Structures are given as structure tokens and as C-alpha cells.
Protein backbone atom coordinates (compact mmCIF):
# COMPACT_ATOMS: atom_id res chain seq x y z
CA MET A 1 0.66 -26.49 18.93
CA MET A 2 -2.30 -25.81 16.69
CA GLY A 3 -2.30 -22.54 14.77
CA HIS A 4 1.45 -21.94 15.07
CA GLN A 5 3.53 -21.00 12.07
CA LEU A 6 6.83 -22.45 11.03
CA LYS A 7 9.23 -19.99 9.44
CA LYS A 8 12.54 -20.72 7.78
CA GLU A 9 15.29 -18.10 7.85
CA ARG A 10 18.49 -18.22 5.86
CA SER A 11 21.65 -16.68 7.30
CA ASN A 12 25.23 -17.52 6.30
CA ASN A 13 23.96 -20.51 4.29
CA VAL A 14 22.33 -21.99 7.40
CA VAL A 15 18.63 -22.81 7.40
CA ALA A 16 16.79 -22.94 10.71
CA SER A 17 13.21 -23.80 11.47
CA VAL A 18 11.61 -21.49 14.01
CA LEU A 19 8.32 -22.01 15.77
CA ILE A 20 6.46 -18.71 15.96
CA ARG A 21 3.92 -18.32 18.75
CA LYS A 22 1.87 -15.44 20.06
CA SER A 23 2.67 -14.28 23.58
CA LEU A 24 -0.92 -14.80 24.63
CA ASP A 25 -0.68 -18.50 23.66
CA VAL A 26 2.64 -18.92 25.51
CA PHE A 27 1.24 -17.35 28.70
CA ARG A 28 -1.80 -19.63 28.52
CA ASP A 29 -0.03 -22.86 27.50
CA MET A 30 2.74 -22.48 30.08
CA ASP A 31 0.32 -21.23 32.75
CA ILE A 32 2.36 -18.05 33.29
CA ASP A 33 0.75 -15.66 35.73
CA ARG A 34 3.57 -13.12 36.07
CA ILE A 35 6.96 -12.35 34.53
CA THR A 36 9.53 -10.44 36.58
CA LEU A 37 11.82 -9.54 33.66
CA LEU A 38 11.20 -9.91 29.92
CA LYS A 39 14.20 -9.18 27.67
CA ILE A 40 13.36 -8.60 24.02
CA ASN A 41 16.15 -8.70 21.42
CA VAL A 42 14.58 -9.93 18.22
CA GLU A 43 16.01 -7.77 15.41
CA GLY A 44 13.02 -5.57 14.64
CA ARG A 45 10.16 -7.87 15.69
CA LYS A 46 9.73 -5.88 18.92
CA TYR A 47 7.51 -3.56 16.87
CA ASP A 48 5.03 -6.46 16.64
CA ILE A 49 5.56 -7.99 20.08
CA LEU A 50 5.19 -4.92 22.31
CA PRO A 51 1.88 -3.72 20.80
CA HIS A 52 0.59 -7.32 21.10
CA LEU A 53 1.50 -7.36 24.80
CA THR A 54 -0.35 -4.08 25.26
CA ASP A 55 -3.39 -4.96 23.12
CA THR A 56 -3.91 -8.27 24.97
CA GLY A 57 -3.34 -6.77 28.43
CA LEU A 58 -0.37 -9.08 29.05
CA VAL A 59 1.88 -6.08 29.67
CA SER A 60 0.19 -5.63 33.07
CA ARG A 61 1.53 -9.06 34.06
CA ILE A 62 5.17 -8.12 33.33
CA ASP A 63 7.12 -6.20 35.97
CA ASN A 64 10.07 -5.08 33.80
CA ILE A 65 10.68 -5.11 30.05
CA GLN A 66 14.14 -4.60 28.54
CA VAL A 67 14.27 -3.87 24.83
CA GLN A 68 17.30 -3.58 22.61
CA PHE A 69 16.76 -1.06 19.81
CA HIS A 70 18.69 -1.08 16.53
CA ASN A 71 19.03 1.83 14.16
CA PHE A 72 19.52 -0.35 11.06
CA ILE A 73 15.82 -1.33 10.98
CA ASP A 74 13.62 0.75 8.63
CA ASN A 75 11.70 3.47 10.53
CA SER A 76 13.43 2.48 13.78
CA GLU A 77 13.33 5.99 15.29
CA GLU A 78 9.67 6.52 14.47
CA ASN A 79 8.67 3.05 15.68
CA GLY A 80 10.79 3.39 18.82
CA SER A 81 9.10 6.70 19.67
CA LYS A 82 5.68 5.07 19.28
CA LEU A 83 6.65 2.21 21.58
CA LEU A 84 7.85 4.57 24.29
CA LYS A 85 4.36 6.11 24.40
CA ILE A 86 2.66 2.75 25.09
């Protein structure tokens, strides 16, 4: 678990601790060779996750990726267009 960040989010007066890990670390630590379907619905963080999957080459080990886009995120249209070109 070394090098992982702990982030606290506040929503509706509820505080939650979330362990944040890079996809590359998860693939390695869980000995994942291939993913058939990856569903990403993380309220705007997809703009960090998808480029990471591409930059590390992990995207070639994923057969299908489903992404839920939201238009209430700043620059969502521009960022979404960039992701579609990856």
C-alpha cells in the first residue's frame, strides 16, 4: 500500500476516507492480465484515468471501456472530445 494517497471528501455532512491508487499499481498488485469490461463513472476523474490507461499501455489489456460523461464538469465537452481521439 506504499505510495497511495488518502483523500477525504465531504458530501451531505458525511466524511469518507478513500484510498486512491493508480491503475498501473492495481493491475500489478492484483495480477490482472486482462479486463473484459471496465465501467468508469467517477464524476470528472475520467479525464485523469483514461489518459493514464493510454500512457501506461494498460488500455491494450482492456477489451471494452464504458464511460459516463457529465456536462456539469468544467470543460466537459472539450475534454470529452480529446478522450474520444485517444
